[in-house]
Amino acid sequence: MDLLSTVFSFQDYGELLVLVQNSIWAGAVLGIVGGLIGPFVVARNMPFAVHGISELSFAGASASLLLGVNVVSGSLVGSVIAALLIGVLGSRARERNSIIAVLMPFGLGIGILCLALYKGRAANKFGLLTGQIVSIDNPQLTFLIVVAAIVVATLLVIWRPLMFASVDPDVAAAAGIPVRTLAIVFMLVLGLATAVSVQIVGALLVLSLLVTPAAAALRLSSHPVVVPVLSTLFAVTSVVGGILLALGGGLPISPYVTTISFAIWVVCRIIGSRRDKRGRNRVAGRNQRGGGEPGLQAGTTSTAGRKEEVSA
């Protein structure tokens, strides 16, 4: 019972709910951003890049915490630097993965060094890694909304060519689409989205917001409109639901967000697998019916040929 009451304790819940209204709004905004950018991350096979950017975002935020400057600004600087390095130097998947593998331990090491030197509250250190729900004041919420608006507006402007370049970059390049420029712009947008997401869910678990909802949506549909809508719905549900549950417990927000996000993915995975199985069974049934008729016709032709040979 002690463990359960620690995870789910809703004592004085109404009073606490008033204190995290900004966090709920921030979570909803981040859910929209993560839901819209997630399908491109999955389509471009870049979940590893999200993790790499989050590590340098963590390093920037930790350095800002140590120096006593704005943590969100430091997180943005770290994310943008990582995004530019990955976008400019990692034009190919193999090169990109190598660069990310180099940046991740470097960023994590710098972040841990800065946190070790920081003499302030331990909760501030822990929050950078696992997220926190009571740290969003009005200026931070405004700043987050502005950054989110920039990300969404940029995505809407480059949506069609970016989708084309994500699905088939070679054909897109042959059609005159600036694939290289789009890749760099997308990395910058991804860096901004990662930086603002770290503020809520932490650096270690940002994938649950930028990748898992999109992966779940792709198990249910491949339609270019349905997937972003479902992904956004799943992301908002995960973040806002995680905040509401974390408010009633004594744990950081990230376990709740990741658990909800993972549960949604599992359900979508099961539904998608059953639908694929039914589709395969229907195709196999049609092939069997279609395969029997040609065989029967072939057998009839062969019998007639043998009768002609005997008559001759």
C-alpha atoms as a PDB file:
ATOM      1  CA  MET A   1       0.000   0.000   0.000  1.00  0.00           C
ATOM      2  CA  ASP A   2       2.895   2.386   0.722  1.00  0.00           C
ATOM      3  CA  LEU A   3       4.247   1.944  -2.803  1.00  0.00           C
ATOM      4  CA  LEU A   4       0.803   2.384  -4.347  1.00  0.00           C
ATOM      5  CA  SER A   5       0.120   5.502  -2.305  1.00  0.00           C
ATOM      6  CA  THR A   6       3.449   6.919  -3.431  1.00  0.00           C
ATOM      7  CA  VAL A   7       2.660   6.359  -7.096  1.00  0.00           C
ATOM      8  CA  PHE A   8      -1.010   7.359  -6.898  1.00  0.00           C
ATOM      9  CA  SER A   9      -1.908   9.719  -4.063  1.00  0.00           C
ATOM     10  CA  PHE A  10      -4.586  12.291  -4.796  1.00  0.00           C
ATOM     11  CA  GLN A  11      -4.692  14.024  -1.439  1.00  0.00           C
ATOM     12  CA  ASP A  12      -5.396  17.767  -1.816  1.00  0.00           C
ATOM     13  CA  TYR A  13      -5.483  17.185  -5.568  1.00  0.00           C
ATOM     14  CA  GLY A  14      -7.729  20.159  -6.325  1.00  0.00           C
ATOM     15  CA  GLU A  15      -5.414  22.588  -4.579  1.00  0.00           C
ATOM     16  CA  LEU A  16      -2.370  21.180  -6.335  1.00  0.00           C
ATOM     17  CA  LEU A  17      -4.090  21.298  -9.720  1.00  0.00           C
ATOM     18  CA  VAL A  18      -4.247  25.082  -9.545  1.00  0.00           C
ATOM     19  CA  LEU A  19      -0.458  25.225  -9.174  1.00  0.00           C
ATOM     20  CA  VAL A  20       0.298  23.372 -12.411  1.00  0.00           C
ATOM     21  CA  GLN A  21      -2.056  25.057 -14.860  1.00  0.00           C
ATOM     22  CA  ASN A  22       0.919  26.469 -16.764  1.00  0.00           C
ATOM     23  CA  SER A  23       2.474  23.023 -16.928  1.00  0.00           C
ATOM     24  CA  ILE A  24      -0.734  21.544 -18.335  1.00  0.00           C
ATOM     25  CA  TRP A  25      -0.862  24.192 -21.033  1.00  0.00           C
ATOM     26  CA  ALA A  26       2.825  23.638 -21.728  1.00  0.00           C
ATOM     27  CA  GLY A  27       2.252  19.892 -21.953  1.00  0.00           C
ATOM     28  CA  ALA A  28      -0.573  20.377 -24.444  1.00  0.00           C
ATOM     29  CA  VAL A  29       1.596  22.656 -26.589  1.00  0.00           C
ATOM     30  CA  LEU A  30       4.480  20.179 -26.498  1.00  0.00           C
ATOM     31  CA  GLY A  31       2.103  17.378 -27.406  1.00  0.00           C
ATOM     32  CA  ILE A  32       1.060  19.271 -30.537  1.00  0.00           C
ATOM     33  CA  VAL A  33       4.673  19.938 -31.479  1.00  0.00           C
ATOM     34  CA  GLY A  34       5.782  16.368 -30.829  1.00  0.00           C
ATOM     35  CA  GLY A  35       2.782  14.910 -32.620  1.00  0.00           C
ATOM     36  CA  LEU A  36       3.423  16.955 -35.769  1.00  0.00           C
ATOM     37  CA  ILE A  37       7.176  16.483 -35.979  1.00  0.00           C
ATOM     38  CA  GLY A  38       7.201  12.835 -34.876  1.00  0.00           C
ATOM     39  CA  PRO A  39       6.030  11.297 -38.190  1.00  0.00           C
ATOM     40  CA  PHE A  40       8.914  13.000 -39.991  1.00  0.00           C
ATOM     41  CA  VAL A  41      11.383  11.723 -37.391  1.00  0.00           C
ATOM     42  CA  VAL A  42      10.157   8.172 -37.948  1.00  0.00           C
ATOM     43  CA  ALA A  43       9.940   8.516 -41.745  1.00  0.00           C
ATOM     44  CA  ARG A  44      13.501   9.856 -41.918  1.00  0.00           C
ATOM     45  CA  ASN A  45      14.750   7.164 -39.508  1.00  0.00           C
ATOM     46  CA  MET A  46      16.062   9.723 -37.024  1.00  0.00           C
ATOM     47  CA  PRO A  47      14.997   8.635 -33.510  1.00  0.00           C
ATOM     48  CA  PHE A  48      18.682   8.257 -32.677  1.00  0.00           C
ATOM     49  CA  ALA A  49      19.186  11.914 -33.692  1.00  0.00           C
ATOM     50  CA  VAL A  50      16.525  13.002 -31.201  1.00  0.00           C
ATOM     51  CA  HIS A  51      18.419  11.287 -28.420  1.00  0.00           C
ATOM     52  CA  GLY A  52      21.695  12.859 -29.542  1.00  0.00           C
ATOM     53  CA  ILE A  53      20.191  16.344 -29.643  1.00  0.00           C
ATOM     54  CA  SER A  54      18.623  15.858 -26.220  1.00  0.00           C
ATOM     55  CA  GLU A  55      22.026  15.040 -24.719  1.00  0.00           C
ATOM     56  CA  LEU A  56      23.557  18.310 -25.936  1.00  0.00           C
ATOM     57  CA  SER A  57      20.386  20.112 -24.875  1.00  0.00           C
ATOM     58  CA  PHE A  58      20.970  18.627 -21.427  1.00  0.00           C
ATOM     59  CA  ALA A  59      24.578  19.835 -21.525  1.00  0.00           C
ATOM     60  CA  GLY A  60      23.480  23.365 -22.431  1.00  0.00           C
ATOM     61  CA  ALA A  61      20.836  23.415 -19.722  1.00  0.00           C
ATOM     62  CA  SER A  62      23.297  22.090 -17.119  1.00  0.00           C
ATOM     63  CA  ALA A  63      25.884  24.698 -18.044  1.00  0.00           C
ATOM     64  CA  SER A  64      23.235  27.416 -17.771  1.00  0.00           C
ATOM     65  CA  LEU A  65      22.193  26.106 -14.357  1.00  0.00           C
ATOM     66  CA  LEU A  66      25.819  26.217 -13.222  1.00  0.00           C
ATOM     67  CA  LEU A  67      26.374  29.734 -14.570  1.00  0.00           C
ATOM     68  CA  GLY A  68      23.082  31.036 -13.191  1.00  0.00           C
ATOM     69  CA  VAL A  69      21.547  32.017 -16.534  1.00  0.00           C
ATOM     70  CA  ASN A  70      18.271  30.990 -18.164  1.00  0.00           C
ATOM     71  CA  VAL A  71      18.120  27.206 -18.383  1.00  0.00           C
ATOM     72  CA  VAL A  72      15.746  27.134 -21.348  1.00  0.00           C
ATOM     73  CA  SER A  73      18.053  29.387 -23.355  1.00  0.00           C
ATOM     74  CA  GLY A  74      21.002  27.118 -22.612  1.00  0.00           C
ATOM     75  CA  SER A  75      18.956  24.117 -23.630  1.00  0.00           C
ATOM     76  CA  LEU A  76      18.064  25.800 -26.924  1.00  0.00           C
ATOM     77  CA  VAL A  77      21.701  26.678 -27.629  1.00  0.00           C
ATOM     78  CA  GLY A  78      22.814  23.096 -27.020  1.00  0.00           C
ATOM     79  CA  SER A  79      20.034  21.693 -29.195  1.00  0.00           C
ATOM     80  CA  VAL A  80      20.701  24.068 -32.081  1.00  0.00           C
ATOM     81  CA  ILE A  81      24.440  23.325 -32.031  1.00  0.00           C
ATOM     82  CA  ALA A  82      23.759  19.583 -32.075  1.00  0.00           C
ATOM     83  CA  ALA A  83      21.161  19.931 -34.831  1.00  0.00           C
ATOM     84  CA  LEU A  84      23.515  21.954 -37.025  1.00  0.00           C
ATOM     85  CA  LEU A  85      26.380  19.515 -36.543  1.00  0.00           C
ATOM     86  CA  ILE A  86      24.182  16.519 -37.357  1.00  0.00           C
ATOM     87  CA  GLY A  87      22.469  18.258 -40.279  1.00  0.00           C
ATOM     88  CA  VAL A  88      25.622  19.654 -41.916  1.00  0.00           C
ATOM     89  CA  LEU A  89      28.052  16.802 -41.280  1.00  0.00           C
ATOM     90  CA  GLY A  90      25.661  13.865 -41.344  1.00  0.00           C
ATOM     91  CA  SER A  91      24.270  13.978 -44.858  1.00  0.00           C
ATOM     92  CA  ARG A  92      24.267  10.172 -45.048  1.00  0.00           C
ATOM     93  CA  ALA A  93      22.747   7.797 -42.540  1.00  0.00           C
ATOM     94  CA  ARG A  94      26.056   6.105 -41.696  1.00  0.00           C
ATOM     95  CA  GLU A  95      27.828   9.428 -41.173  1.00  0.00           C
ATOM     96  CA  ARG A  96      24.880  10.778 -39.182  1.00  0.00           C
ATOM     97  CA  ASN A  97      24.837   7.835 -36.806  1.00  0.00           C
ATOM     98  CA  SER A  98      28.581   8.113 -36.251  1.00  0.00           C
ATOM     99  CA  ILE A  99      28.328  11.827 -35.463  1.00  0.00           C
ATOM    100  CA  ILE A 100      25.434  11.246 -33.076  1.00  0.00           C
ATOM    101  CA  ALA A 101      27.365   8.456 -31.341  1.00  0.00           C
ATOM    102  CA  VAL A 102      30.245  10.902 -30.824  1.00  0.00           C
ATOM    103  CA  LEU A 103      28.054  13.780 -29.622  1.00  0.00           C
ATOM    104  CA  MET A 104      25.932  11.783 -27.163  1.00  0.00           C
ATOM    105  CA  PRO A 105      28.632  10.798 -24.637  1.00  0.00           C
ATOM    106  CA  PHE A 106      30.286  14.204 -24.977  1.00  0.00           C
ATOM    107  CA  GLY A 107      27.059  16.047 -24.193  1.00  0.00           C
ATOM    108  CA  LEU A 108      26.178  13.686 -21.360  1.00  0.00           C
ATOM    109  CA  GLY A 109      29.672  14.021 -19.886  1.00  0.00           C
ATOM    110  CA  ILE A 110      29.594  17.832 -20.016  1.00  0.00           C
ATOM    111  CA  GLY A 111      26.139  17.836 -18.471  1.00  0.00           C
ATOM    112  CA  ILE A 112      27.155  15.566 -15.603  1.00  0.00           C
ATOM    113  CA  LEU A 113      30.269  17.694 -14.981  1.00  0.00           C
ATOM    114  CA  CYS A 114      28.200  20.867 -14.750  1.00  0.00           C
ATOM    115  CA  LEU A 115      25.687  19.233 -12.416  1.00  0.00           C
ATOM    116  CA  ALA A 116      28.506  17.932 -10.198  1.00  0.00           C
ATOM    117  CA  LEU A 117      29.878  21.452  -9.884  1.00  0.00           C
ATOM    118  CA  TYR A 118      26.448  22.960  -9.230  1.00  0.00           C
ATOM    119  CA  LYS A 119      25.857  23.583  -5.515  1.00  0.00           C
ATOM    120  CA  GLY A 120      22.174  24.474  -5.681  1.00  0.00           C
ATOM    121  CA  ARG A 121      19.020  22.414  -5.098  1.00  0.00           C
ATOM    122  CA  ALA A 122      19.244  18.739  -6.025  1.00  0.00           C
ATOM    123  CA  ALA A 123      15.733  18.890  -7.498  1.00  0.00           C
ATOM    124  CA  ASN A 124      16.981  21.244 -10.209  1.00  0.00           C
ATOM    125  CA  LYS A 125      19.637  18.711 -11.211  1.00  0.00           C
ATOM    126  CA  PHE A 126      17.241  15.781 -11.233  1.00  0.00           C
ATOM    127  CA  GLY A 127      14.600  17.728 -13.136  1.00  0.00           C
ATOM    128  CA  LEU A 128      16.876  18.234 -16.140  1.00  0.00           C
ATOM    129  CA  LEU A 129      17.112  14.476 -16.557  1.00  0.00           C
ATOM    130  CA  THR A 130      13.614  13.315 -15.658  1.00  0.00           C
ATOM    131  CA  GLY A 131      11.435  16.396 -16.090  1.00  0.00           C
ATOM    132  CA  GLN A 132       9.378  18.405 -13.624  1.00  0.00           C
ATOM    133  CA  ILE A 133       5.858  19.807 -13.580  1.00  0.00           C
ATOM    134  CA  VAL A 134       5.961  22.835 -11.281  1.00  0.00           C
ATOM    135  CA  SER A 135       8.778  24.761 -12.947  1.00  0.00           C
ATOM    136  CA  ILE A 136       6.783  26.559 -15.666  1.00  0.00           C
ATOM    137  CA  ASP A 137       6.060  30.191 -14.854  1.00  0.00           C
ATOM    138  CA  ASN A 138       4.282  32.684 -17.120  1.00  0.00           C
ATOM    139  CA  PRO A 139       7.412  33.971 -18.944  1.00  0.00           C
ATOM    140  CA  GLN A 140       8.597  30.412 -19.585  1.00  0.00           C
ATOM    141  CA  LEU A 141       5.168  29.404 -20.860  1.00  0.00           C
ATOM    142  CA  THR A 142       5.115  32.395 -23.215  1.00  0.00           C
ATOM    143  CA  PHE A 143       8.600  31.575 -24.458  1.00  0.00           C
ATOM    144  CA  LEU A 144       7.636  27.941 -24.978  1.00  0.00           C
ATOM    145  CA  ILE A 145       4.522  28.907 -26.952  1.00  0.00           C
ATOM    146  CA  VAL A 146       6.578  31.235 -29.168  1.00  0.00           C
ATOM    147  CA  VAL A 147       9.143  28.508 -29.909  1.00  0.00           C
ATOM    148  CA  ALA A 148       6.372  25.979 -30.547  1.00  0.00           C
ATOM    149  CA  ALA A 149       4.659  28.406 -32.927  1.00  0.00           C
ATOM    150  CA  ILE A 150       7.915  28.804 -34.861  1.00  0.00           C
ATOM    151  CA  VAL A 151       8.289  25.028 -35.113  1.00  0.00           C
ATOM    152  CA  VAL A 152       4.700  24.451 -36.253  1.00  0.00           C
ATOM    153  CA  ALA A 153       4.761  27.343 -38.739  1.00  0.00           C
ATOM    154  CA  THR A 154       8.021  26.093 -40.273  1.00  0.00           C
ATOM    155  CA  LEU A 155       6.656  22.563 -40.552  1.00  0.00           C
ATOM    156  CA  LEU A 156       3.508  23.795 -42.291  1.00  0.00           C
ATOM    157  CA  VAL A 157       5.574  25.776 -44.812  1.00  0.00           C
ATOM    158  CA  ILE A 158       7.876  22.878 -45.740  1.00  0.00           C
ATOM    159  CA  TRP A 159       5.365  20.059 -45.124  1.00  0.00           C
ATOM    160  CA  ARG A 160       4.825  18.798 -48.690  1.00  0.00           C
ATOM    161  CA  PRO A 161       8.443  18.926 -49.948  1.00  0.00           C
ATOM    162  CA  LEU A 162       9.695  17.566 -46.622  1.00  0.00           C
ATOM    163  CA  MET A 163       7.276  14.654 -46.816  1.00  0.00           C
ATOM    164  CA  PHE A 164       8.404  13.938 -50.388  1.00  0.00           C
ATOM    165  CA  ALA A 165      12.075  14.141 -49.406  1.00  0.00           C
ATOM    166  CA  SER A 166      11.469  11.926 -46.366  1.00  0.00           C
ATOM    167  CA  VAL A 167       9.747   9.167 -48.337  1.00  0.00           C
ATOM    168  CA  ASP A 168      12.083   9.109 -51.371  1.00  0.00           C
ATOM    169  CA  PRO A 169      14.992  11.566 -51.197  1.00  0.00           C
ATOM    170  CA  ASP A 170      16.554  10.461 -54.500  1.00  0.00           C
ATOM    171  CA  VAL A 171      13.402  11.047 -56.507  1.00  0.00           C
ATOM    172  CA  ALA A 172      12.787  14.298 -54.651  1.00  0.00           C
ATOM    173  CA  ALA A 173      16.279  15.517 -55.525  1.00  0.00           C
ATOM    174  CA  ALA A 174      15.745  14.545 -59.157  1.00  0.00           C
ATOM    175  CA  ALA A 175      12.502  16.550 -59.117  1.00  0.00           C
ATOM    176  CA  GLY A 176      14.412  19.674 -58.079  1.00  0.00           C
ATOM    177  CA  ILE A 177      13.539  19.716 -54.387  1.00  0.00           C
ATOM    178  CA  PRO A 178      16.419  21.094 -52.253  1.00  0.00           C
ATOM    179  CA  VAL A 179      16.790  17.949 -50.185  1.00  0.00           C
ATOM    180  CA  ARG A 180      20.000  19.063 -48.465  1.00  0.00           C
ATOM    181  CA  THR A 181      18.571  22.420 -47.403  1.00  0.00           C
ATOM    182  CA  LEU A 182      15.374  20.775 -46.179  1.00  0.00           C
ATOM    183  CA  ALA A 183      17.404  18.352 -44.089  1.00  0.00           C
ATOM    184  CA  ILE A 184      19.244  21.193 -42.328  1.00  0.00           C
ATOM    185  CA  VAL A 185      16.036  23.175 -41.764  1.00  0.00           C
ATOM    186  CA  PHE A 186      14.334  20.084 -40.370  1.00  0.00           C
ATOM    187  CA  MET A 187      17.240  19.435 -38.010  1.00  0.00           C
ATOM    188  CA  LEU A 188      16.986  22.982 -36.680  1.00  0.00           C
ATOM    189  CA  VAL A 189      13.248  22.578 -36.160  1.00  0.00           C
ATOM    190  CA  LEU A 190      13.870  19.243 -34.458  1.00  0.00           C
ATOM    191  CA  GLY A 191      16.468  20.893 -32.230  1.00  0.00           C
ATOM    192  CA  LEU A 192      13.956  23.527 -31.114  1.00  0.00           C
ATOM    193  CA  ALA A 193      11.290  20.887 -30.460  1.00  0.00           C
ATOM    194  CA  THR A 194      13.730  18.765 -28.460  1.00  0.00           C
ATOM    195  CA  ALA A 195      14.891  21.706 -26.359  1.00  0.00           C
ATOM    196  CA  VAL A 196      11.391  22.697 -25.258  1.00  0.00           C
ATOM    197  CA  SER A 197      10.454  19.044 -24.671  1.00  0.00           C
ATOM    198  CA  VAL A 198      13.405  18.503 -22.333  1.00  0.00           C
ATOM    199  CA  GLN A 199      11.948  21.153 -20.044  1.00  0.00           C
ATOM    200  CA  ILE A 200       8.908  18.937 -19.324  1.00  0.00           C
ATOM    201  CA  VAL A 201       9.894  15.280 -19.788  1.00  0.00           C
ATOM    202  CA  GLY A 202      13.645  15.562 -19.218  1.00  0.00           C
ATOM    203  CA  ALA A 203      16.616  14.808 -21.435  1.00  0.00           C
ATOM    204  CA  LEU A 204      16.652  11.060 -20.936  1.00  0.00           C
ATOM    205  CA  LEU A 205      13.053  10.331 -21.965  1.00  0.00           C
ATOM    206  CA  VAL A 206      12.345  12.859 -24.709  1.00  0.00           C
ATOM    207  CA  LEU A 207      11.826  10.016 -27.194  1.00  0.00           C
ATOM    208  CA  SER A 208       8.523   9.212 -25.501  1.00  0.00           C
ATOM    209  CA  LEU A 209       7.182  12.535 -26.775  1.00  0.00           C
ATOM    210  CA  LEU A 210       8.834  12.921 -30.185  1.00  0.00           C
ATOM    211  CA  VAL A 211       8.923   9.308 -31.424  1.00  0.00           C
ATOM    212  CA  THR A 212       6.575   6.929 -29.592  1.00  0.00           C
ATOM    213  CA  PRO A 213       3.268   8.688 -30.478  1.00  0.00           C
ATOM    214  CA  ALA A 214       4.201   8.780 -34.163  1.00  0.00           C
ATOM    215  CA  ALA A 215       5.281   5.141 -34.099  1.00  0.00           C
ATOM    216  CA  ALA A 216       1.928   4.224 -32.557  1.00  0.00           C
ATOM    217  CA  ALA A 217      -0.001   6.239 -35.147  1.00  0.00           C
ATOM    218  CA  LEU A 218       1.849   4.555 -38.005  1.00  0.00           C
ATOM    219  CA  ARG A 219       0.642   1.186 -36.730  1.00  0.00           C
ATOM    220  CA  LEU A 220      -2.936   2.300 -37.342  1.00  0.00           C
ATOM    221  CA  SER A 221      -2.651   4.219 -40.602  1.00  0.00           C
ATOM    222  CA  SER A 222      -0.312   5.387 -43.336  1.00  0.00           C
ATOM    223  CA  HIS A 223      -2.492   8.266 -44.533  1.00  0.00           C
ATOM    224  CA  PRO A 224      -0.509  11.548 -44.626  1.00  0.00           C
ATOM    225  CA  VAL A 225      -3.278  13.398 -42.776  1.00  0.00           C
ATOM    226  CA  VAL A 226      -4.485  10.728 -40.369  1.00  0.00           C
ATOM    227  CA  VAL A 227      -1.001   9.911 -39.037  1.00  0.00           C
ATOM    228  CA  PRO A 228      -0.155  13.443 -37.794  1.00  0.00           C
ATOM    229  CA  VAL A 229      -3.628  13.805 -36.269  1.00  0.00           C
ATOM    230  CA  LEU A 230      -3.349  10.513 -34.374  1.00  0.00           C
ATOM    231  CA  SER A 231       0.240  11.240 -33.395  1.00  0.00           C
ATOM    232  CA  THR A 232      -0.752  14.623 -31.971  1.00  0.00           C
ATOM    233  CA  LEU A 233      -3.688  13.092 -30.093  1.00  0.00           C
ATOM    234  CA  PHE A 234      -1.449  10.398 -28.595  1.00  0.00           C
ATOM    235  CA  ALA A 235       1.277  12.892 -27.633  1.00  0.00           C
ATOM    236  CA  VAL A 236      -1.127  15.328 -25.962  1.00  0.00           C
ATOM    237  CA  THR A 237      -2.783  12.456 -24.086  1.00  0.00           C
ATOM    238  CA  SER A 238       0.588  11.173 -22.882  1.00  0.00           C
ATOM    239  CA  VAL A 239       1.936  14.502 -21.668  1.00  0.00           C
ATOM    240  CA  VAL A 240      -1.221  15.971 -20.136  1.00  0.00           C
ATOM    241  CA  GLY A 241      -2.211  12.604 -18.655  1.00  0.00           C
ATOM    242  CA  GLY A 242       1.291  12.175 -17.241  1.00  0.00           C
ATOM    243  CA  ILE A 243       1.179  15.615 -15.645  1.00  0.00           C
ATOM    244  CA  LEU A 244      -2.201  14.924 -14.043  1.00  0.00           C
ATOM    245  CA  LEU A 245      -1.049  11.576 -12.679  1.00  0.00           C
ATOM    246  CA  ALA A 246       2.310  12.896 -11.486  1.00  0.00           C
ATOM    247  CA  LEU A 247       0.514  15.629  -9.599  1.00  0.00           C
ATOM    248  CA  GLY A 248      -1.177  12.999  -7.457  1.00  0.00           C
ATOM    249  CA  GLY A 249       1.975  10.992  -6.821  1.00  0.00           C
ATOM    250  CA  GLY A 250       5.375  11.554  -5.351  1.00  0.00           C
ATOM    251  CA  LEU A 251       7.385  10.665  -8.449  1.00  0.00           C
ATOM    252  CA  PRO A 252       8.790  12.715 -11.345  1.00  0.00           C
ATOM    253  CA  ILE A 253       6.602  13.226 -14.378  1.00  0.00           C
ATOM    254  CA  SER A 254       8.632  11.126 -16.814  1.00  0.00           C
ATOM    255  CA  PRO A 255       7.556   7.637 -15.593  1.00  0.00           C
ATOM    256  CA  TYR A 256       3.907   8.576 -16.037  1.00  0.00           C
ATOM    257  CA  VAL A 257       4.394  10.109 -19.488  1.00  0.00           C
ATOM    258  CA  THR A 258       6.474   7.222 -20.761  1.00  0.00           C
ATOM    259  CA  THR A 259       4.088   4.608 -19.351  1.00  0.00           C
ATOM    260  CA  ILE A 260       1.038   6.197 -20.987  1.00  0.00           C
ATOM    261  CA  SER A 261       2.916   6.626 -24.264  1.00  0.00           C
ATOM    262  CA  PHE A 262       4.136   3.032 -24.188  1.00  0.00           C
ATOM    263  CA  ALA A 263       0.658   1.699 -23.359  1.00  0.00           C
ATOM    264  CA  ILE A 264      -0.792   3.571 -26.344  1.00  0.00           C
ATOM    265  CA  TRP A 265       1.916   2.112 -28.571  1.00  0.00           C
ATOM    266  CA  VAL A 266       1.237  -1.431 -27.326  1.00  0.00           C
ATOM    267  CA  VAL A 267      -2.493  -1.105 -28.002  1.00  0.00           C
ATOM    268  CA  CYS A 268      -1.858   0.323 -31.478  1.00  0.00           C
ATOM    269  CA  ARG A 269       0.680  -2.408 -32.150  1.00  0.00           C
ATOM    270  CA  ILE A 270      -1.855  -5.109 -31.266  1.00  0.00           C
ATOM    271  CA  ILE A 271      -4.582  -3.495 -33.375  1.00  0.00           C
ATOM    272  CA  GLY A 272      -2.226  -3.034 -36.311  1.00  0.00           C
ATOM    273  CA  SER A 273      -0.947  -6.606 -36.119  1.00  0.00           C
ATOM    274  CA  ARG A 274      -4.460  -8.022 -36.113  1.00  0.00           C
ATOM    275  CA  ARG A 275      -5.445  -5.826 -39.027  1.00  0.00           C
ATOM    276  CA  ASP A 276      -2.347  -6.877 -40.989  1.00  0.00           C
ATOM    277  CA  LYS A 277      -3.083 -10.521 -40.247  1.00  0.00           C
ATOM    278  CA  ARG A 278      -6.644 -10.179 -41.535  1.00  0.00           C
ATOM    279  CA  GLY A 279      -5.322  -8.429 -44.622  1.00  0.00           C
ATOM    280  CA  ARG A 280      -2.825 -11.221 -45.291  1.00  0.00           C
ATOM    281  CA  ASN A 281      -5.542 -13.838 -44.840  1.00  0.00           C
ATOM    282  CA  ARG A 282      -7.786 -12.047 -47.337  1.00  0.00           C
ATOM    283  CA  VAL A 283      -4.960 -11.805 -49.869  1.00  0.00           C
ATOM    284  CA  ALA A 284      -4.084 -15.475 -49.376  1.00  0.00           C
ATOM    285  CA  GLY A 285      -7.732 -16.428 -49.864  1.00  0.00           C
ATOM    286  CA  ARG A 286      -7.972 -14.446 -53.085  1.00  0.00           C
ATOM    287  CA  ASN A 287      -4.735 -15.973 -54.341  1.00  0.00           C
ATOM    288  CA  GLN A 288      -6.007 -19.472 -53.625  1.00  0.00           C
ATOM    289  CA  ARG A 289      -9.276 -18.830 -55.419  1.00  0.00           C
ATOM    290  CA  GLY A 290      -7.511 -17.177 -58.303  1.00  0.00           C
ATOM    291  CA  GLY A 291      -4.843 -19.861 -58.453  1.00  0.00           C
ATOM    292  CA  GLY A 292      -7.360 -22.726 -58.653  1.00  0.00           C
ATOM    293  CA  GLU A 293      -9.090 -21.474 -61.780  1.00  0.00           C
ATOM    294  CA  PRO A 294      -5.978 -21.230 -63.983  1.00  0.00           C
ATOM    295  CA  GLY A 295      -4.922 -24.669 -62.780  1.00  0.00           C
ATOM    296  CA  LEU A 296      -8.320 -26.134 -63.759  1.00  0.00           C
ATOM    297  CA  GLN A 297      -8.108 -24.491 -67.166  1.00  0.00           C
ATOM    298  CA  ALA A 298      -4.598 -25.815 -67.642  1.00  0.00           C
ATOM    299  CA  GLY A 299      -5.704 -29.315 -66.712  1.00  0.00           C
ATOM    300  CA  THR A 300      -8.612 -29.185 -69.188  1.00  0.00           C
ATOM    301  CA  THR A 301      -6.315 -28.012 -71.952  1.00  0.00           C
ATOM    302  CA  SER A 302      -3.842 -30.747 -71.195  1.00  0.00           C
ATOM    303  CA  THR A 303      -6.560 -33.433 -71.295  1.00  0.00           C
ATOM    304  CA  ALA A 304      -7.857 -32.156 -74.608  1.00  0.00           C
ATOM    305  CA  GLY A 305      -4.331 -32.206 -76.031  1.00  0.00           C
ATOM    306  CA  ARG A 306      -3.857 -35.813 -74.987  1.00  0.00           C
ATOM    307  CA  LYS A 307      -7.180 -36.774 -76.684  1.00  0.00           C
ATOM    308  CA  GLU A 308      -6.053 -35.126 -79.897  1.00  0.00           C
ATOM    309  CA  GLU A 309      -2.774 -37.019 -79.762  1.00  0.00           C
ATOM    310  CA  VAL A 310      -4.583 -40.347 -79.290  1.00  0.00           C
ATOM    311  CA  SER A 311      -6.947 -39.610 -82.175  1.00  0.00           C
ATOM    312  CA  ALA A 312      -4.010 -38.840 -84.415  1.00  0.00           C
END
